[in-house]
Structure formats: C-alpha cells, structure tokens
Amino acid sequence: MTTWNSIDKATHARKRRAMNHPFSDMALFSSEPFIHSNIDRWIELLKEDIGEKQWPFSLHMARWADRLVFDTLGDLCFGESFGMKEHDSELRHIPAIIMDFTSTIHPIAYSPFTSLWDWLKPRGLDYLLAARAQIEDEVQARCKSGTESRMGFFHYLFLDLDLDISESESLIIAGSETSPISLAAAFFYLTRYPHAQEKLAKEFEAAFSSVDGIKGGGALHYSQYLRAFIQETMRMSPPVPADLAPDGQQGGIVVDGRYIPEGMKVSTVSYCMHHKPDMYPEPFDFRPER
C-alpha cells in the first residue's frame, strides 16, 4: 500500500506527510547537482548521436526524454542512475514494457475478476516483477551497508519506518510517465513555434551569463516566460490526460447541485477541461502569453 493507492484518509495523510520530506526545498536543493549531472551527460550523448549529420536527420526526443527521466529518478530515488541513456544500455526496453503493462492493467483494475487476471499474468508482469526484485536486492544491500553518502529521496523515505521501497517504486513509475511526456511536448512546441523559442532564448540570455548559472531559485524563479511556456505546454498536452476518479465519500456528496451516491466514482478528464473554449479561448492555439 502506497501514497498512490491508499484509500483510507488517515493512512493516506500519514503517508503523504512522510512523502513531503523528499520534496522539501532543502531536499530538492540537495538533489540539484545529481539532476545537472544527468542532464549534462544526456546532452553529451545527444551530441555524439548527432555528430556531423545534417538536415533532415532527426532524433526521437520522446524516447530520449524517457531515458533522461528514468536515469534521473534512479539517481534521486535509489542513489544510482540506471544508465538507460547510455548507448550500450540493456534497460531501454523498460519504458515500453511499463506502457504496455499499464495499458493492459488499466481496464483490468476496473474488472470484477481481478484475481483471475493476476493468475493469468498480464503481458509485461513477469518483466516488471523481475525489475522490482533487482531493485529490492540493491536497496537491501545498501541498507545493510549502513552507509549513506547522499540525501536522495530514498534517504528520507527510509527514515520513516511506515514507508518502504514501494514508495520509491511509485515515484519511478509515476515520474517516468509524466515528466517525459511534458519534456517531449516542450520540445515539440519549441520546434513548432519559433516565436516562443525566440522569446524563451532572450529571457535566458538576459538572466544567465552561462549554462552553469542556470540553477533553481534566483533568476530561474523569476523567469516568467519560462513558467508561462511550461504551463501552456502542460495545458495543451497534460501528462495525465485520463480521469482520476475518487470514490464518493461516506453518505454521498453534492457536486454542482447534483447528489452523488456513496461509492460512485466522480472524475473530470483534464484534457477536456484544458481545452474548453469558455475557460481557454482558442484552446488549441499554443499561446504561453495567455
């Protein structure tokens, strides 16, 4: 049971409080060097892949984004990068397996025959279980060593005895889908809308004298067009476009004047909400200025 799937309010609140620690300002600030090192290596590999090639050579940036985020999350959650972005990596199939498994398990989760499906072993389940076993072995070895050289996410989760490796796994699974989608979408809109790319470049050139100066807080915090660009990107291409359906509370609830019985699922699909003309005029136009 993790923060992700805890239904009981008290249990979820307790787990959520513990999960706040790895996302505190101090924890995120201490994690920044590891994020930078993964990005720097990622850019090196991109340059190697491009080499002397000229247009119309292209790269599949969605897959490159997957690898970057997986490695960064591995570094933050378990203290070691998965090395997925490296050209000789044997783990590049993992994102596709997770997507394949997720698309299969989603309808199963709503099925009344869940135990039967588990027995039938949905495609990809064996691979995921093997990956989980490998991660658990590494974490157990790390815990037994008694040494903690850095303050990664797992450091904070491990301090809370109520949390276990499942929370770190949840961070990997959740982050490995949402962050690459947003990153790939950002690349898409940057290449399709030159005016946005130009304005973003000018803002960075005015705020930073070098690439090494781009760090959290300070000038980055006040980069208004960057913030607008990210928000518009996530509006146009929400990383979680499906519905997030909580159960109706005990005794039922009233939503917009309508009574919803207890136990009934209620949700709003974010993609539809983000593209409503009465909320966002010309909703399919990419306009960070809005």
C-alpha atoms as a PDB file:
ATOM      1  CA  MET A   1       0.000   0.000   0.000  1.00  0.00           C
ATOM      2  CA  THR A   2       1.485   3.351  -1.068  1.00  0.00           C
ATOM      3  CA  THR A   3       0.514   7.015  -1.091  1.00  0.00           C
ATOM      4  CA  TRP A   4      -0.669   6.450  -4.643  1.00  0.00           C
ATOM      5  CA  ASN A   5      -3.325   3.834  -3.852  1.00  0.00           C
ATOM      6  CA  SER A   6      -4.206   4.437  -0.178  1.00  0.00           C
ATOM      7  CA  ILE A   7      -7.980   4.902   0.061  1.00  0.00           C
ATOM      8  CA  ASP A   8      -8.253   5.413   3.810  1.00  0.00           C
ATOM      9  CA  LYS A   9      -7.915   9.145   4.520  1.00  0.00           C
ATOM     10  CA  ALA A  10      -5.899   8.762   7.723  1.00  0.00           C
ATOM     11  CA  THR A  11      -3.462   6.311   6.123  1.00  0.00           C
ATOM     12  CA  HIS A  12      -3.068   8.483   3.050  1.00  0.00           C
ATOM     13  CA  ALA A  13      -2.498  11.610   5.147  1.00  0.00           C
ATOM     14  CA  ARG A  14       0.213   9.878   7.185  1.00  0.00           C
ATOM     15  CA  LYS A  15       1.996   8.623   4.092  1.00  0.00           C
ATOM     16  CA  ARG A  16       1.595  11.965   2.343  1.00  0.00           C
ATOM     17  CA  ARG A  17       3.237  13.791   5.257  1.00  0.00           C
ATOM     18  CA  ALA A  18       6.231  11.451   5.049  1.00  0.00           C
ATOM     19  CA  MET A  19       6.397  11.953   1.279  1.00  0.00           C
ATOM     20  CA  ASN A  20       6.647  15.701   1.801  1.00  0.00           C
ATOM     21  CA  HIS A  21      10.207  15.337   3.120  1.00  0.00           C
ATOM     22  CA  PRO A  22      11.918  14.348  -0.162  1.00  0.00           C
ATOM     23  CA  PHE A  23      10.105  17.220  -1.896  1.00  0.00           C
ATOM     24  CA  SER A  24      11.018  19.906   0.618  1.00  0.00           C
ATOM     25  CA  ASP A  25      13.062  22.893  -0.565  1.00  0.00           C
ATOM     26  CA  MET A  26      16.154  21.571   1.215  1.00  0.00           C
ATOM     27  CA  ALA A  27      15.830  18.087  -0.290  1.00  0.00           C
ATOM     28  CA  LEU A  28      15.262  19.410  -3.806  1.00  0.00           C
ATOM     29  CA  PHE A  29      18.184  21.819  -3.481  1.00  0.00           C
ATOM     30  CA  SER A  30      20.499  19.000  -2.368  1.00  0.00           C
ATOM     31  CA  SER A  31      19.307  16.870  -5.311  1.00  0.00           C
ATOM     32  CA  GLU A  32      20.032  19.528  -7.930  1.00  0.00           C
ATOM     33  CA  PRO A  33      23.686  18.517  -8.614  1.00  0.00           C
ATOM     34  CA  PHE A  34      22.560  14.987  -9.498  1.00  0.00           C
ATOM     35  CA  ILE A  35      19.897  16.335 -11.849  1.00  0.00           C
ATOM     36  CA  HIS A  36      22.517  18.530 -13.525  1.00  0.00           C
ATOM     37  CA  SER A  37      24.972  15.654 -13.943  1.00  0.00           C
ATOM     38  CA  ASN A  38      22.335  13.522 -15.672  1.00  0.00           C
ATOM     39  CA  ILE A  39      21.332  16.373 -17.973  1.00  0.00           C
ATOM     40  CA  ASP A  40      24.972  17.144 -18.836  1.00  0.00           C
ATOM     41  CA  ARG A  41      25.654  13.518 -19.740  1.00  0.00           C
ATOM     42  CA  TRP A  42      22.394  13.361 -21.711  1.00  0.00           C
ATOM     43  CA  ILE A  43      23.450  16.378 -23.791  1.00  0.00           C
ATOM     44  CA  GLU A  44      26.866  14.794 -24.430  1.00  0.00           C
ATOM     45  CA  LEU A  45      25.182  11.654 -25.761  1.00  0.00           C
ATOM     46  CA  LEU A  46      22.820  13.717 -27.911  1.00  0.00           C
ATOM     47  CA  LYS A  47      25.798  15.483 -29.478  1.00  0.00           C
ATOM     48  CA  GLU A  48      27.507  12.141 -30.090  1.00  0.00           C
ATOM     49  CA  ASP A  49      24.391  10.792 -31.784  1.00  0.00           C
ATOM     50  CA  ILE A  50      24.044  13.852 -33.987  1.00  0.00           C
ATOM     51  CA  GLY A  51      27.751  14.041 -34.873  1.00  0.00           C
ATOM     52  CA  GLU A  52      28.284  15.537 -38.305  1.00  0.00           C
ATOM     53  CA  LYS A  53      24.810  14.664 -39.532  1.00  0.00           C
ATOM     54  CA  GLN A  54      22.834  17.364 -41.315  1.00  0.00           C
ATOM     55  CA  TRP A  55      19.160  18.019 -42.006  1.00  0.00           C
ATOM     56  CA  PRO A  56      16.855  16.091 -42.450  1.00  0.00           C
ATOM     57  CA  PHE A  57      18.435  13.967 -39.698  1.00  0.00           C
ATOM     58  CA  SER A  58      16.132  13.745 -36.667  1.00  0.00           C
ATOM     59  CA  LEU A  59      16.004  12.214 -33.196  1.00  0.00           C
ATOM     60  CA  HIS A  60      13.115  10.562 -31.370  1.00  0.00           C
ATOM     61  CA  MET A  61      13.067  13.063 -28.496  1.00  0.00           C
ATOM     62  CA  ALA A  62      10.218  11.319 -26.665  1.00  0.00           C
ATOM     63  CA  ARG A  63      12.439   8.267 -26.188  1.00  0.00           C
ATOM     64  CA  TRP A  64      15.426  10.413 -25.277  1.00  0.00           C
ATOM     65  CA  ALA A  65      13.271  12.175 -22.682  1.00  0.00           C
ATOM     66  CA  ASP A  66      12.212   8.781 -21.278  1.00  0.00           C
ATOM     67  CA  ARG A  67      15.836   7.767 -20.771  1.00  0.00           C
ATOM     68  CA  LEU A  68      16.837  11.044 -19.158  1.00  0.00           C
ATOM     69  CA  VAL A  69      13.966  10.992 -16.669  1.00  0.00           C
ATOM     70  CA  PHE A  70      14.429   7.307 -15.793  1.00  0.00           C
ATOM     71  CA  ASP A  71      18.114   7.824 -15.058  1.00  0.00           C
ATOM     72  CA  THR A  72      17.477  10.990 -13.066  1.00  0.00           C
ATOM     73  CA  LEU A  73      14.772   9.320 -10.981  1.00  0.00           C
ATOM     74  CA  GLY A  74      17.011   6.315 -10.383  1.00  0.00           C
ATOM     75  CA  ASP A  75      19.705   8.674  -9.162  1.00  0.00           C
ATOM     76  CA  LEU A  76      17.307  10.549  -6.894  1.00  0.00           C
ATOM     77  CA  CYS A  77      15.241   7.625  -5.613  1.00  0.00           C
ATOM     78  CA  PHE A  78      17.929   4.964  -5.188  1.00  0.00           C
ATOM     79  CA  GLY A  79      21.228   6.849  -5.306  1.00  0.00           C
ATOM     80  CA  GLU A  80      22.347   5.446  -8.648  1.00  0.00           C
ATOM     81  CA  SER A  81      21.449   6.159 -12.260  1.00  0.00           C
ATOM     82  CA  PHE A  82      20.025   3.262 -14.275  1.00  0.00           C
ATOM     83  CA  GLY A  83      22.314   4.175 -17.182  1.00  0.00           C
ATOM     84  CA  MET A  84      19.397   3.954 -19.605  1.00  0.00           C
ATOM     85  CA  LYS A  85      20.582   6.929 -21.657  1.00  0.00           C
ATOM     86  CA  GLU A  86      23.900   5.231 -22.430  1.00  0.00           C
ATOM     87  CA  HIS A  87      24.151   3.757 -25.916  1.00  0.00           C
ATOM     88  CA  ASP A  88      25.011   0.268 -24.623  1.00  0.00           C
ATOM     89  CA  SER A  89      22.223   0.152 -22.020  1.00  0.00           C
ATOM     90  CA  GLU A  90      20.303  -3.110 -21.674  1.00  0.00           C
ATOM     91  CA  LEU A  91      17.352  -1.355 -19.996  1.00  0.00           C
ATOM     92  CA  ARG A  92      15.980   0.721 -22.857  1.00  0.00           C
ATOM     93  CA  HIS A  93      13.042  -1.631 -23.256  1.00  0.00           C
ATOM     94  CA  ILE A  94      11.738  -0.871 -19.740  1.00  0.00           C
ATOM     95  CA  PRO A  95       9.676   2.271 -20.615  1.00  0.00           C
ATOM     96  CA  ALA A  96       7.883   0.387 -23.396  1.00  0.00           C
ATOM     97  CA  ILE A  97       7.165  -2.503 -21.025  1.00  0.00           C
ATOM     98  CA  ILE A  98       5.707  -0.152 -18.424  1.00  0.00           C
ATOM     99  CA  MET A  99       3.497   1.494 -21.053  1.00  0.00           C
ATOM    100  CA  ASP A 100       2.403  -1.896 -22.384  1.00  0.00           C
ATOM    101  CA  PHE A 101       1.670  -3.190 -18.903  1.00  0.00           C
ATOM    102  CA  THR A 102      -0.156   0.000 -17.870  1.00  0.00           C
ATOM    103  CA  SER A 103      -2.410  -0.023 -20.931  1.00  0.00           C
ATOM    104  CA  THR A 104      -3.286  -3.633 -20.151  1.00  0.00           C
ATOM    105  CA  ILE A 105      -3.746  -3.262 -16.401  1.00  0.00           C
ATOM    106  CA  HIS A 106      -5.957  -0.148 -16.576  1.00  0.00           C
ATOM    107  CA  PRO A 107      -9.123  -1.978 -17.742  1.00  0.00           C
ATOM    108  CA  ILE A 108      -8.228  -4.929 -15.511  1.00  0.00           C
ATOM    109  CA  ALA A 109      -8.253  -2.651 -12.461  1.00  0.00           C
ATOM    110  CA  TYR A 110     -11.940  -1.941 -13.121  1.00  0.00           C
ATOM    111  CA  SER A 111     -12.744  -5.608 -13.694  1.00  0.00           C
ATOM    112  CA  PRO A 112     -14.595  -7.743 -11.096  1.00  0.00           C
ATOM    113  CA  PHE A 113     -12.242 -10.623 -11.969  1.00  0.00           C
ATOM    114  CA  THR A 114      -9.001  -9.088 -10.692  1.00  0.00           C
ATOM    115  CA  SER A 115      -7.750 -12.278  -9.008  1.00  0.00           C
ATOM    116  CA  LEU A 116      -8.241 -14.244 -12.244  1.00  0.00           C
ATOM    117  CA  TRP A 117      -6.269 -11.687 -14.242  1.00  0.00           C
ATOM    118  CA  ASP A 118      -3.435 -11.876 -11.721  1.00  0.00           C
ATOM    119  CA  TRP A 119      -3.321 -15.642 -12.188  1.00  0.00           C
ATOM    120  CA  LEU A 120      -3.232 -15.249 -15.976  1.00  0.00           C
ATOM    121  CA  LYS A 121      -0.145 -12.987 -15.696  1.00  0.00           C
ATOM    122  CA  PRO A 122      -0.848  -9.934 -17.925  1.00  0.00           C
ATOM    123  CA  ARG A 123       1.845  -9.256 -20.503  1.00  0.00           C
ATOM    124  CA  GLY A 124       4.822  -7.485 -19.048  1.00  0.00           C
ATOM    125  CA  LEU A 125       4.102  -8.532 -15.452  1.00  0.00           C
ATOM    126  CA  ASP A 126       6.995 -11.003 -15.247  1.00  0.00           C
ATOM    127  CA  TYR A 127       9.416  -8.372 -16.553  1.00  0.00           C
ATOM    128  CA  LEU A 128       8.207  -5.811 -14.015  1.00  0.00           C
ATOM    129  CA  LEU A 129       8.422  -8.306 -11.155  1.00  0.00           C
ATOM    130  CA  ALA A 130      11.980  -9.179 -12.186  1.00  0.00           C
ATOM    131  CA  ALA A 131      12.913  -5.497 -12.300  1.00  0.00           C
ATOM    132  CA  ARG A 132      11.342  -4.975  -8.867  1.00  0.00           C
ATOM    133  CA  ALA A 133      13.318  -7.898  -7.434  1.00  0.00           C
ATOM    134  CA  GLN A 134      16.560  -6.433  -8.776  1.00  0.00           C
ATOM    135  CA  ILE A 135      15.808  -3.032  -7.245  1.00  0.00           C
ATOM    136  CA  GLU A 136      14.881  -4.594  -3.898  1.00  0.00           C
ATOM    137  CA  ASP A 137      18.156  -6.541  -3.816  1.00  0.00           C
ATOM    138  CA  GLU A 138      20.136  -3.358  -4.453  1.00  0.00           C
ATOM    139  CA  VAL A 139      18.240  -1.431  -1.783  1.00  0.00           C
ATOM    140  CA  GLN A 140      18.642  -4.225   0.782  1.00  0.00           C
ATOM    141  CA  ALA A 141      22.381  -4.293   0.143  1.00  0.00           C
ATOM    142  CA  ARG A 142      22.542  -0.539   0.518  1.00  0.00           C
ATOM    143  CA  CYS A 143      20.596  -0.585   3.784  1.00  0.00           C
ATOM    144  CA  LYS A 144      22.774  -3.369   5.241  1.00  0.00           C
ATOM    145  CA  SER A 145      25.934  -1.437   4.430  1.00  0.00           C
ATOM    146  CA  GLY A 146      24.827   1.273   6.858  1.00  0.00           C
ATOM    147  CA  THR A 147      26.436   3.999   4.768  1.00  0.00           C
ATOM    148  CA  GLU A 148      24.520   6.948   3.385  1.00  0.00           C
ATOM    149  CA  SER A 149      26.685   9.322   1.385  1.00  0.00           C
ATOM    150  CA  ARG A 150      23.912  11.465  -0.034  1.00  0.00           C
ATOM    151  CA  MET A 151      20.458  12.751   0.786  1.00  0.00           C
ATOM    152  CA  GLY A 152      18.418  11.199  -2.021  1.00  0.00           C
ATOM    153  CA  PHE A 153      14.663  10.599  -1.989  1.00  0.00           C
ATOM    154  CA  PHE A 154      15.140   7.111  -0.541  1.00  0.00           C
ATOM    155  CA  HIS A 155      17.142   8.583   2.344  1.00  0.00           C
ATOM    156  CA  TYR A 156      14.060  10.494   3.504  1.00  0.00           C
ATOM    157  CA  LEU A 157      11.660   7.631   2.821  1.00  0.00           C
ATOM    158  CA  PHE A 158      13.883   5.165   4.665  1.00  0.00           C
ATOM    159  CA  LEU A 159      13.842   7.382   7.761  1.00  0.00           C
ATOM    160  CA  ASP A 160      10.096   6.781   8.069  1.00  0.00           C
ATOM    161  CA  LEU A 161       9.532   3.179   9.154  1.00  0.00           C
ATOM    162  CA  ASP A 162       5.978   3.276   7.798  1.00  0.00           C
ATOM    163  CA  LEU A 163       7.288   3.669   4.257  1.00  0.00           C
ATOM    164  CA  ASP A 164       9.128   1.098   2.226  1.00  0.00           C
ATOM    165  CA  ILE A 165      10.592   0.543  -1.210  1.00  0.00           C
ATOM    166  CA  SER A 166       7.112   0.687  -2.751  1.00  0.00           C
ATOM    167  CA  GLU A 167       7.098   4.465  -2.355  1.00  0.00           C
ATOM    168  CA  SER A 168      10.331   4.801  -4.328  1.00  0.00           C
ATOM    169  CA  GLU A 169       8.917   2.467  -6.964  1.00  0.00           C
ATOM    170  CA  SER A 170       5.805   4.648  -7.163  1.00  0.00           C
ATOM    171  CA  LEU A 171       7.987   7.702  -7.752  1.00  0.00           C
ATOM    172  CA  ILE A 172       9.777   5.889 -10.570  1.00  0.00           C
ATOM    173  CA  ILE A 173       6.574   4.719 -12.269  1.00  0.00           C
ATOM    174  CA  ALA A 174       4.670   7.987 -11.840  1.00  0.00           C
ATOM    175  CA  GLY A 175       7.581  10.230 -12.762  1.00  0.00           C
ATOM    176  CA  SER A 176       8.757   8.085 -15.657  1.00  0.00           C
ATOM    177  CA  GLU A 177       5.478   8.670 -17.488  1.00  0.00           C
ATOM    178  CA  THR A 178       4.503  12.229 -16.597  1.00  0.00           C
ATOM    179  CA  SER A 179       7.859  14.014 -16.834  1.00  0.00           C
ATOM    180  CA  PRO A 180       8.926  12.563 -20.229  1.00  0.00           C
ATOM    181  CA  ILE A 181       5.526  13.448 -21.698  1.00  0.00           C
ATOM    182  CA  SER A 182       5.895  17.062 -20.585  1.00  0.00           C
ATOM    183  CA  LEU A 183       9.515  17.218 -21.730  1.00  0.00           C
ATOM    184  CA  ALA A 184       8.734  15.728 -25.148  1.00  0.00           C
ATOM    185  CA  ALA A 185       5.783  18.114 -25.517  1.00  0.00           C
ATOM    186  CA  ALA A 186       8.061  21.051 -24.673  1.00  0.00           C
ATOM    187  CA  PHE A 187      10.453  20.031 -27.460  1.00  0.00           C
ATOM    188  CA  PHE A 188       7.504  19.702 -29.835  1.00  0.00           C
ATOM    189  CA  TYR A 189       6.149  23.188 -29.149  1.00  0.00           C
ATOM    190  CA  LEU A 190       9.625  24.746 -29.198  1.00  0.00           C
ATOM    191  CA  THR A 191      10.200  23.434 -32.717  1.00  0.00           C
ATOM    192  CA  ARG A 192       6.691  24.259 -33.966  1.00  0.00           C
ATOM    193  CA  TYR A 193       6.503  27.792 -32.563  1.00  0.00           C
ATOM    194  CA  PRO A 194       9.706  29.740 -33.350  1.00  0.00           C
ATOM    195  CA  HIS A 195       8.391  32.902 -31.676  1.00  0.00           C
ATOM    196  CA  ALA A 196       8.124  31.055 -28.352  1.00  0.00           C
ATOM    197  CA  GLN A 197      11.617  29.631 -28.767  1.00  0.00           C
ATOM    198  CA  GLU A 198      12.991  33.099 -29.539  1.00  0.00           C
ATOM    199  CA  LYS A 199      11.316  34.741 -26.536  1.00  0.00           C
ATOM    200  CA  LEU A 200      12.497  31.954 -24.251  1.00  0.00           C
ATOM    201  CA  ALA A 201      16.065  32.240 -25.540  1.00  0.00           C
ATOM    202  CA  LYS A 202      16.091  36.014 -24.995  1.00  0.00           C
ATOM    203  CA  GLU A 203      14.827  35.600 -21.437  1.00  0.00           C
ATOM    204  CA  PHE A 204      17.588  33.105 -20.650  1.00  0.00           C
ATOM    205  CA  GLU A 205      20.296  35.192 -22.298  1.00  0.00           C
ATOM    206  CA  ALA A 206      19.255  38.196 -20.232  1.00  0.00           C
ATOM    207  CA  ALA A 207      19.078  36.265 -16.958  1.00  0.00           C
ATOM    208  CA  PHE A 208      22.131  33.985 -17.187  1.00  0.00           C
ATOM    209  CA  SER A 209      25.700  34.605 -18.295  1.00  0.00           C
ATOM    210  CA  SER A 210      26.465  30.887 -18.749  1.00  0.00           C
ATOM    211  CA  VAL A 211      24.791  27.481 -18.746  1.00  0.00           C
ATOM    212  CA  ASP A 212      26.354  26.677 -15.368  1.00  0.00           C
ATOM    213  CA  GLY A 213      24.413  29.567 -13.862  1.00  0.00           C
ATOM    214  CA  ILE A 214      21.028  28.003 -14.614  1.00  0.00           C
ATOM    215  CA  LYS A 215      20.041  26.704 -11.193  1.00  0.00           C
ATOM    216  CA  GLY A 216      16.945  26.581  -9.040  1.00  0.00           C
ATOM    217  CA  GLY A 217      15.828  29.737  -7.286  1.00  0.00           C
ATOM    218  CA  GLY A 218      17.107  33.207  -8.025  1.00  0.00           C
ATOM    219  CA  ALA A 219      16.828  34.262 -11.657  1.00  0.00           C
ATOM    220  CA  LEU A 220      15.245  30.971 -12.690  1.00  0.00           C
ATOM    221  CA  HIS A 221      12.431  31.502 -10.203  1.00  0.00           C
ATOM    222  CA  TYR A 222      11.630  34.866 -11.791  1.00  0.00           C
ATOM    223  CA  SER A 223      11.747  33.640 -15.406  1.00  0.00           C
ATOM    224  CA  GLN A 224       8.129  34.485 -16.178  1.00  0.00           C
ATOM    225  CA  TYR A 225       8.030  33.406 -19.811  1.00  0.00           C
ATOM    226  CA  LEU A 226       9.616  30.047 -18.934  1.00  0.00           C
ATOM    227  CA  ARG A 227       6.887  29.471 -16.360  1.00  0.00           C
ATOM    228  CA  ALA A 228       4.206  30.504 -18.871  1.00  0.00           C
ATOM    229  CA  PHE A 229       5.722  28.204 -21.507  1.00  0.00           C
ATOM    230  CA  ILE A 230       5.698  25.221 -19.132  1.00  0.00           C
ATOM    231  CA  GLN A 231       2.124  25.877 -18.022  1.00  0.00           C
ATOM    232  CA  GLU A 232       0.872  26.231 -21.596  1.00  0.00           C
ATOM    233  CA  THR A 233       2.723  23.056 -22.589  1.00  0.00           C
ATOM    234  CA  MET A 234       1.058  21.111 -19.780  1.00  0.00           C
ATOM    235  CA  ARG A 235      -2.324  22.606 -20.653  1.00  0.00           C
ATOM    236  CA  MET A 236      -2.053  21.572 -24.294  1.00  0.00           C
ATOM    237  CA  SER A 237      -0.535  18.159 -23.518  1.00  0.00           C
ATOM    238  CA  PRO A 238      -1.467  17.195 -19.950  1.00  0.00           C
ATOM    239  CA  PRO A 239       0.838  14.427 -18.680  1.00  0.00           C
ATOM    240  CA  VAL A 240      -2.179  12.685 -17.108  1.00  0.00           C
ATOM    241  CA  PRO A 241      -4.933  13.143 -19.712  1.00  0.00           C
ATOM    242  CA  ALA A 242      -7.171  10.410 -18.292  1.00  0.00           C
ATOM    243  CA  ASP A 243      -9.613  10.768 -15.442  1.00  0.00           C
ATOM    244  CA  LEU A 244      -8.546  10.476 -11.809  1.00  0.00           C
ATOM    245  CA  ALA A 245     -11.675   9.020 -10.270  1.00  0.00           C
ATOM    246  CA  PRO A 246     -12.059   9.134  -6.479  1.00  0.00           C
ATOM    247  CA  ASP A 247     -14.919   7.253  -4.840  1.00  0.00           C
ATOM    248  CA  GLY A 248     -17.870   9.186  -3.465  1.00  0.00           C
ATOM    249  CA  GLN A 249     -17.479   9.885   0.250  1.00  0.00           C
ATOM    250  CA  GLN A 250     -19.489   8.246   3.003  1.00  0.00           C
ATOM    251  CA  GLY A 251     -23.055   9.474   2.837  1.00  0.00           C
ATOM    252  CA  GLY A 252     -22.561  10.791  -0.693  1.00  0.00           C
ATOM    253  CA  ILE A 253     -21.591  14.258  -1.892  1.00  0.00           C
ATOM    254  CA  VAL A 254     -23.192  17.099  -3.840  1.00  0.00           C
ATOM    255  CA  VAL A 255     -21.357  18.322  -6.942  1.00  0.00           C
ATOM    256  CA  ASP A 256     -22.706  21.322  -8.838  1.00  0.00           C
ATOM    257  CA  GLY A 257     -26.126  20.805  -7.279  1.00  0.00           C
ATOM    258  CA  ARG A 258     -26.282  17.102  -8.117  1.00  0.00           C
ATOM    259  CA  TYR A 259     -26.209  14.363  -5.490  1.00  0.00           C
ATOM    260  CA  ILE A 260     -23.526  11.691  -5.998  1.00  0.00           C
ATOM    261  CA  PRO A 261     -24.218   8.465  -4.042  1.00  0.00           C
ATOM    262  CA  GLU A 262     -21.574   6.917  -1.821  1.00  0.00           C
ATOM    263  CA  GLY A 263     -19.143   4.664  -3.693  1.00  0.00           C
ATOM    264  CA  MET A 264     -19.790   6.159  -7.137  1.00  0.00           C
ATOM    265  CA  LYS A 265     -16.672   7.368  -8.957  1.00  0.00           C
ATOM    266  CA  VAL A 266     -16.564  11.033  -9.981  1.00  0.00           C
ATOM    267  CA  SER A 267     -13.908  12.493 -12.247  1.00  0.00           C
ATOM    268  CA  THR A 268     -13.037  15.174 -14.766  1.00  0.00           C
ATOM    269  CA  VAL A 269     -10.732  14.420 -17.683  1.00  0.00           C
ATOM    270  CA  SER A 270      -8.000  17.062 -17.586  1.00  0.00           C
ATOM    271  CA  TYR A 271      -7.543  17.168 -21.375  1.00  0.00           C
ATOM    272  CA  CYS A 272     -11.196  18.087 -21.888  1.00  0.00           C
ATOM    273  CA  MET A 273     -11.113  20.657 -19.106  1.00  0.00           C
ATOM    274  CA  HIS A 274      -7.938  22.249 -20.501  1.00  0.00           C
ATOM    275  CA  HIS A 275      -9.489  22.606 -23.944  1.00  0.00           C
ATOM    276  CA  LYS A 276     -12.839  24.148 -23.018  1.00  0.00           C
ATOM    277  CA  PRO A 277     -13.338  27.347 -25.068  1.00  0.00           C
ATOM    278  CA  ASP A 278     -15.151  29.100 -22.230  1.00  0.00           C
ATOM    279  CA  MET A 279     -12.123  28.550 -19.998  1.00  0.00           C
ATOM    280  CA  TYR A 280      -9.386  28.953 -22.623  1.00  0.00           C
ATOM    281  CA  PRO A 281     -10.387  30.954 -25.731  1.00  0.00           C
ATOM    282  CA  GLU A 282      -8.980  29.342 -28.891  1.00  0.00           C
ATOM    283  CA  PRO A 283      -7.936  26.349 -26.779  1.00  0.00           C
ATOM    284  CA  PHE A 284      -5.968  24.552 -29.494  1.00  0.00           C
ATOM    285  CA  ASP A 285      -3.656  27.517 -30.091  1.00  0.00           C
ATOM    286  CA  PHE A 286      -0.345  27.363 -28.262  1.00  0.00           C
ATOM    287  CA  ARG A 287      -0.021  30.758 -26.595  1.00  0.00           C
ATOM    288  CA  PRO A 288       2.191  30.999 -23.497  1.00  0.00           C
ATOM    289  CA  GLU A 289       1.270  34.690 -23.350  1.00  0.00           C
ATOM    290  CA  ARG A 290      -2.218  33.764 -22.126  1.00  0.00           C
END
